[in-house]
Amino acid sequence: MHVAGVIVQALPGKLSAVLVTIGQVPGTEVVTSSDEKNNIIATIDGDSRKQVADRIYAIDKLAGVASTCLVYEETDSNFDFEITEA
């Protein structure tokens, strides 16, 4: 599982439209948005880095989006760790 956090900057007057379309990108969840700053904070998850990157690119190309900035990424590789005493 790969998870990313992004800030999406909407063009003036386009925030509402972007909020609707961003929710249609698979694996994407809007965390919060600001009418005052015209931006959206969202999380994106996927099975691979490429899938997450493709979703970020899709958001960046949505009508009304000025820019998309990756601010966080985490990979959960489901490793089992065994702690041993030295």
C-alpha atoms as a PDB file:
ATOM      1  CA  MET A   1       0.000   0.000   0.000  1.00  0.00           C
ATOM      2  CA  HIS A   2       1.284   3.421  -0.956  1.00  0.00           C
ATOM      3  CA  VAL A   3      -0.221   6.609   0.479  1.00  0.00           C
ATOM      4  CA  ALA A   4       0.443  10.193  -0.558  1.00  0.00           C
ATOM      5  CA  GLY A   5      -0.698  13.573   0.677  1.00  0.00           C
ATOM      6  CA  VAL A   6      -1.141  16.401  -1.820  1.00  0.00           C
ATOM      7  CA  ILE A   7      -2.121  20.048  -1.884  1.00  0.00           C
ATOM      8  CA  VAL A   8      -4.188  20.939  -4.916  1.00  0.00           C
ATOM      9  CA  GLN A   9      -4.394  24.604  -5.871  1.00  0.00           C
ATOM     10  CA  ALA A  10      -7.596  25.414  -7.757  1.00  0.00           C
ATOM     11  CA  LEU A  11      -7.977  28.310 -10.143  1.00  0.00           C
ATOM     12  CA  PRO A  12     -10.039  31.233  -8.812  1.00  0.00           C
ATOM     13  CA  GLY A  13     -13.734  30.374  -8.858  1.00  0.00           C
ATOM     14  CA  LYS A  14     -13.115  26.689  -9.662  1.00  0.00           C
ATOM     15  CA  LEU A  15     -12.791  25.162  -6.189  1.00  0.00           C
ATOM     16  CA  SER A  16     -16.302  23.663  -6.100  1.00  0.00           C
ATOM     17  CA  ALA A  17     -15.917  22.067  -9.523  1.00  0.00           C
ATOM     18  CA  VAL A  18     -12.503  20.647  -8.641  1.00  0.00           C
ATOM     19  CA  LEU A  19     -13.885  19.199  -5.387  1.00  0.00           C
ATOM     20  CA  VAL A  20     -16.481  17.284  -7.398  1.00  0.00           C
ATOM     21  CA  THR A  21     -14.064  15.946 -10.010  1.00  0.00           C
ATOM     22  CA  ILE A  22     -11.214  15.134  -7.628  1.00  0.00           C
ATOM     23  CA  GLY A  23     -13.538  12.756  -5.791  1.00  0.00           C
ATOM     24  CA  GLN A  24     -13.913  10.757  -9.009  1.00  0.00           C
ATOM     25  CA  VAL A  25     -10.199   9.882  -9.116  1.00  0.00           C
ATOM     26  CA  PRO A  26      -9.879   6.354  -7.662  1.00  0.00           C
ATOM     27  CA  GLY A  27      -8.143   6.106  -4.298  1.00  0.00           C
ATOM     28  CA  THR A  28      -8.507   9.826  -3.612  1.00  0.00           C
ATOM     29  CA  GLU A  29     -10.085  11.320  -0.510  1.00  0.00           C
ATOM     30  CA  VAL A  30     -10.472  15.045   0.174  1.00  0.00           C
ATOM     31  CA  VAL A  31      -9.364  15.775   3.737  1.00  0.00           C
ATOM     32  CA  THR A  32     -10.177  19.488   3.789  1.00  0.00           C
ATOM     33  CA  SER A  33     -10.443  22.527   1.551  1.00  0.00           C
ATOM     34  CA  SER A  34     -10.214  26.290   1.878  1.00  0.00           C
ATOM     35  CA  ASP A  35     -12.440  28.676  -0.042  1.00  0.00           C
ATOM     36  CA  GLU A  36     -10.224  31.523   1.127  1.00  0.00           C
ATOM     37  CA  LYS A  37      -7.006  30.013  -0.238  1.00  0.00           C
ATOM     38  CA  ASN A  38      -8.596  28.074  -3.131  1.00  0.00           C
ATOM     39  CA  ASN A  39      -6.819  24.879  -2.133  1.00  0.00           C
ATOM     40  CA  ILE A  40      -7.590  21.278  -1.276  1.00  0.00           C
ATOM     41  CA  ILE A  41      -5.700  18.811   0.878  1.00  0.00           C
ATOM     42  CA  ALA A  42      -6.240  15.230  -0.211  1.00  0.00           C
ATOM     43  CA  THR A  43      -4.860  11.754   0.348  1.00  0.00           C
ATOM     44  CA  ILE A  44      -4.253   9.293  -2.450  1.00  0.00           C
ATOM     45  CA  ASP A  45      -3.673   5.591  -2.029  1.00  0.00           C
ATOM     46  CA  GLY A  46      -2.724   2.830  -4.412  1.00  0.00           C
ATOM     47  CA  ASP A  47      -1.041  -0.526  -4.781  1.00  0.00           C
ATOM     48  CA  SER A  48       2.189   0.904  -6.202  1.00  0.00           C
ATOM     49  CA  ARG A  49       4.159   4.137  -6.449  1.00  0.00           C
ATOM     50  CA  LYS A  50       3.326   4.284 -10.140  1.00  0.00           C
ATOM     51  CA  GLN A  51      -0.394   3.996  -9.454  1.00  0.00           C
ATOM     52  CA  VAL A  52      -0.215   6.831  -6.917  1.00  0.00           C
ATOM     53  CA  ALA A  53       1.905   8.940  -9.290  1.00  0.00           C
ATOM     54  CA  ASP A  54      -0.588   8.333 -12.104  1.00  0.00           C
ATOM     55  CA  ARG A  55      -3.420   9.489  -9.845  1.00  0.00           C
ATOM     56  CA  ILE A  56      -1.508  12.631  -8.858  1.00  0.00           C
ATOM     57  CA  TYR A  57      -0.918  13.340 -12.553  1.00  0.00           C
ATOM     58  CA  ALA A  58      -4.634  12.801 -13.283  1.00  0.00           C
ATOM     59  CA  ILE A  59      -5.569  15.306 -10.569  1.00  0.00           C
ATOM     60  CA  ASP A  60      -3.056  17.819 -11.892  1.00  0.00           C
ATOM     61  CA  LYS A  61      -4.686  17.615 -15.335  1.00  0.00           C
ATOM     62  CA  LEU A  62      -8.265  18.152 -14.095  1.00  0.00           C
ATOM     63  CA  ALA A  63     -10.067  21.224 -15.405  1.00  0.00           C
ATOM     64  CA  GLY A  64      -9.747  24.059 -12.891  1.00  0.00           C
ATOM     65  CA  VAL A  65      -6.543  22.803 -11.233  1.00  0.00           C
ATOM     66  CA  ALA A  66      -3.634  25.249 -11.217  1.00  0.00           C
ATOM     67  CA  SER A  67      -1.118  22.895  -9.552  1.00  0.00           C
ATOM     68  CA  THR A  68      -0.733  19.761  -7.474  1.00  0.00           C
ATOM     69  CA  CYS A  69       2.069  19.394  -4.951  1.00  0.00           C
ATOM     70  CA  LEU A  70       3.158  16.154  -3.278  1.00  0.00           C
ATOM     71  CA  VAL A  71       3.784  16.852   0.414  1.00  0.00           C
ATOM     72  CA  TYR A  72       3.895  13.350   1.899  1.00  0.00           C
ATOM     73  CA  GLU A  73       4.453   9.767   0.787  1.00  0.00           C
ATOM     74  CA  GLU A  74       4.557   6.533   2.741  1.00  0.00           C
ATOM     75  CA  THR A  75       4.954   2.907   1.744  1.00  0.00           C
ATOM     76  CA  ASP A  76       3.665   0.073   3.876  1.00  0.00           C
ATOM     77  CA  SER A  77       5.462  -3.016   2.664  1.00  0.00           C
ATOM     78  CA  ASN A  78       3.946  -5.277   5.322  1.00  0.00           C
ATOM     79  CA  PHE A  79       7.335  -6.472   6.523  1.00  0.00           C
ATOM     80  CA  ASP A  80       7.337  -8.571   9.646  1.00  0.00           C
ATOM     81  CA  PHE A  81      10.112  -7.342  11.902  1.00  0.00           C
ATOM     82  CA  GLU A  82      11.590  -9.432  14.664  1.00  0.00           C
ATOM     83  CA  ILE A  83      13.287  -7.558  17.472  1.00  0.00           C
ATOM     84  CA  THR A  84      16.254  -9.368  18.998  1.00  0.00           C
ATOM     85  CA  GLU A  85      18.469  -8.397  21.884  1.00  0.00           C
ATOM     86  CA  ALA A  86      22.145  -7.803  21.030  1.00  0.00           C
END
